[in-house]
């Protein structure tokens, strides 16, 4: 397995755990970086878009599941995050949050899958092995093994 897939898996699971933790902590203890800069409405949206796009993209890079299974997992995960908030007194499960989270995850996963053929074509045109298209520091780590 390529080092970049392992790295993507690690980052994806760190992100998955971070989203769960940030979704269940009391609302007043949750960091709101984007809300401080963009205001409450756009900041809330930016927080969700950034978190779910990065995690979904990393998951799609790290795991070679079909797009159907990636989207199914994203649907279940985004729904589960909102369901976790139902019994919590300071949190609110919202359909709008679910839709934003799932749409963002789906777009990120589709973009990763759409980009893979272009990377493969670039690699084949240059006569390189797949790992040669990676950044130097990752490629060097792979060749040291």
Protein backbone atom coordinates (compact mmCIF):
# COMPACT_ATOMS: atom_id res chain seq x y z
CA UNK A 1 0.00 0.00 0.00
CA UNK A 2 1.20 3.49 -0.79
CA UNK A 3 2.29 5.75 2.05
CA UNK A 4 -0.12 8.47 0.99
CA UNK A 5 -3.08 6.11 1.48
CA UNK A 6 -1.93 5.24 4.99
CA UNK A 7 -1.47 8.92 5.77
CA UNK A 8 -4.93 9.70 4.39
CA UNK A 9 -6.47 6.94 6.52
CA UNK A 10 -4.84 8.23 9.68
CA UNK A 11 -5.96 11.79 8.94
CA UNK A 12 -9.48 10.61 8.11
CA UNK A 13 -9.86 8.73 11.40
CA UNK A 14 -8.46 11.64 13.40
CA UNK A 15 -11.00 13.87 11.66
CA UNK A 16 -13.85 11.43 12.26
CA UNK A 17 -13.08 11.29 15.97
CA UNK A 18 -12.63 15.07 16.17
CA UNK A 19 -16.03 15.67 14.56
CA UNK A 20 -17.70 13.26 17.01
CA UNK A 21 -16.05 14.95 19.98
CA UNK A 22 -16.88 18.46 18.77
CA UNK A 23 -20.46 17.38 18.13
CA UNK A 24 -21.09 16.14 21.67
CA UNK A 25 -19.27 18.73 23.79
CA UNK A 26 -21.50 21.45 25.24
CA UNK A 27 -22.22 24.16 22.67
CA UNK A 28 -20.54 26.90 24.68
CA UNK A 29 -17.28 24.91 24.88
CA UNK A 30 -17.04 24.18 21.15
CA UNK A 31 -14.45 26.22 19.25
CA UNK A 32 -15.99 28.46 16.60
CA UNK A 33 -13.09 29.79 14.58
CA UNK A 34 -15.01 30.59 11.40
CA UNK A 35 -17.88 32.21 13.30
CA UNK A 36 -15.46 34.71 14.80
CA UNK A 37 -14.37 35.80 11.30
CA UNK A 38 -17.45 35.28 9.15
CA UNK A 39 -20.33 35.81 11.53
CA UNK A 40 -22.70 33.26 12.97
CA UNK A 41 -24.53 32.14 9.80
CA UNK A 42 -21.63 31.89 7.36
CA UNK A 43 -19.20 30.82 10.08
CA UNK A 44 -21.40 27.89 11.09
CA UNK A 45 -21.65 26.86 7.44
CA UNK A 46 -17.88 27.25 6.92
CA UNK A 47 -17.13 25.11 9.99
CA UNK A 48 -19.29 22.28 8.67
CA UNK A 49 -18.07 22.53 5.08
CA UNK A 50 -14.39 22.59 6.06
CA UNK A 51 -14.62 19.72 8.54
CA UNK A 52 -16.70 17.35 6.43
CA UNK A 53 -14.97 18.10 3.12
CA UNK A 54 -11.51 17.47 4.55
CA UNK A 55 -12.50 14.28 6.36
CA UNK A 56 -14.51 12.89 3.44
CA UNK A 57 -11.74 13.70 0.97
CA UNK A 58 -9.13 12.02 3.17
CA UNK A 59 -11.39 8.98 3.59
CA UNK A 60 -11.94 8.71 -0.18
CA UNK A 61 -8.20 8.93 -0.82
CA UNK A 62 -7.34 6.44 1.92
CA UNK A 63 -9.91 3.77 1.11
CA UNK A 64 -10.61 2.29 -2.31
CA UNK A 65 -14.31 1.73 -1.73
CA UNK A 66 -16.76 2.27 -4.57
CA UNK A 67 -18.43 5.66 -4.71
CA UNK A 68 -21.72 4.03 -3.71
CA UNK A 69 -20.21 2.69 -0.48
CA UNK A 70 -18.40 5.93 0.27
CA UNK A 71 -21.64 7.87 -0.08
CA UNK A 72 -23.53 5.32 2.00
CA UNK A 73 -20.96 5.58 4.80
CA UNK A 74 -21.07 9.38 4.59
CA UNK A 75 -24.88 9.34 4.79
CA UNK A 76 -24.84 7.09 7.86
CA UNK A 77 -22.05 9.04 9.55
CA UNK A 78 -23.65 12.45 8.98
CA UNK A 79 -26.99 11.14 10.18
CA UNK A 80 -25.39 9.50 13.20
CA UNK A 81 -23.67 12.75 14.18
CA UNK A 82 -27.02 14.55 14.26
CA UNK A 83 -28.73 11.69 16.12
CA UNK A 84 -26.00 11.79 18.78
CA UNK A 85 -27.03 15.36 19.57
CA UNK A 86 -30.70 14.62 20.26
CA UNK A 87 -30.35 13.68 23.97
CA UNK A 88 -27.78 16.41 24.71
CA UNK A 89 -29.26 19.45 26.46
CA UNK A 90 -27.01 22.08 24.89
CA UNK A 91 -26.92 20.62 21.37
CA UNK A 92 -29.54 20.54 18.64
CA UNK A 93 -29.95 17.95 15.90
CA UNK A 94 -30.87 19.81 12.71
CA UNK A 95 -31.88 18.48 9.32
CA UNK A 96 -30.12 21.47 7.74
CA UNK A 97 -26.82 20.47 9.38
CA UNK A 98 -27.27 16.91 8.12
CA UNK A 99 -27.93 18.12 4.58
CA UNK A 100 -24.93 20.48 4.62
CA UNK A 101 -22.65 17.80 6.07
CA UNK A 102 -23.74 15.07 3.67
CA UNK A 103 -23.70 17.31 0.59
CA UNK A 104 -20.22 18.53 1.46
CA UNK A 105 -18.93 15.00 2.08
CA UNK A 106 -20.51 13.75 -1.13
CA UNK A 107 -19.01 16.55 -3.23
CA UNK A 108 -15.56 15.97 -1.73
CA UNK A 109 -15.73 12.22 -2.36
CA UNK A 110 -16.94 12.67 -5.94
CA UNK A 111 -14.18 15.20 -6.65
CA UNK A 112 -11.55 12.79 -5.32
CA UNK A 113 -12.89 10.00 -7.53
CA UNK A 114 -13.12 12.30 -10.57
CA UNK A 115 -9.54 13.45 -10.07
CA UNK A 116 -8.01 9.98 -9.91
CA UNK A 117 -8.07 9.28 -13.68
CA UNK A 118 -6.32 12.58 -14.41
CA UNK A 119 -3.53 11.70 -12.02
CA UNK A 120 -3.24 8.22 -13.55
CA UNK A 121 -3.09 9.68 -17.09
CA UNK A 122 -0.38 12.12 -16.03
CA UNK A 123 1.62 9.28 -14.54
CA UNK A 124 1.26 7.10 -17.66
CA UNK A 125 2.16 9.97 -20.03
CA UNK A 126 5.37 10.58 -18.15
CA UNK A 127 6.21 6.87 -18.07
CA UNK A 128 6.36 6.91 -14.29
CA UNK A 129 5.20 4.45 -11.75
CA UNK A 130 2.18 5.54 -9.71
CA UNK A 131 4.25 6.47 -6.66
CA UNK A 132 6.54 8.72 -8.74
CA UNK A 133 3.75 11.29 -9.07
CA UNK A 134 3.78 11.82 -5.32
CA UNK A 135 5.59 14.68 -3.62
CA UNK A 136 9.28 14.02 -3.10
CA UNK A 137 9.13 13.51 0.67
CA UNK A 138 6.47 10.78 0.33
CA UNK A 139 8.21 9.16 -2.65
CA UNK A 140 11.54 9.05 -0.76
CA UNK A 141 9.85 7.40 2.21
CA UNK A 142 8.34 4.73 -0.06
CA UNK A 143 11.68 3.94 -1.74
CA UNK A 144 13.45 3.63 1.64
CA UNK A 145 11.32 0.60 2.50
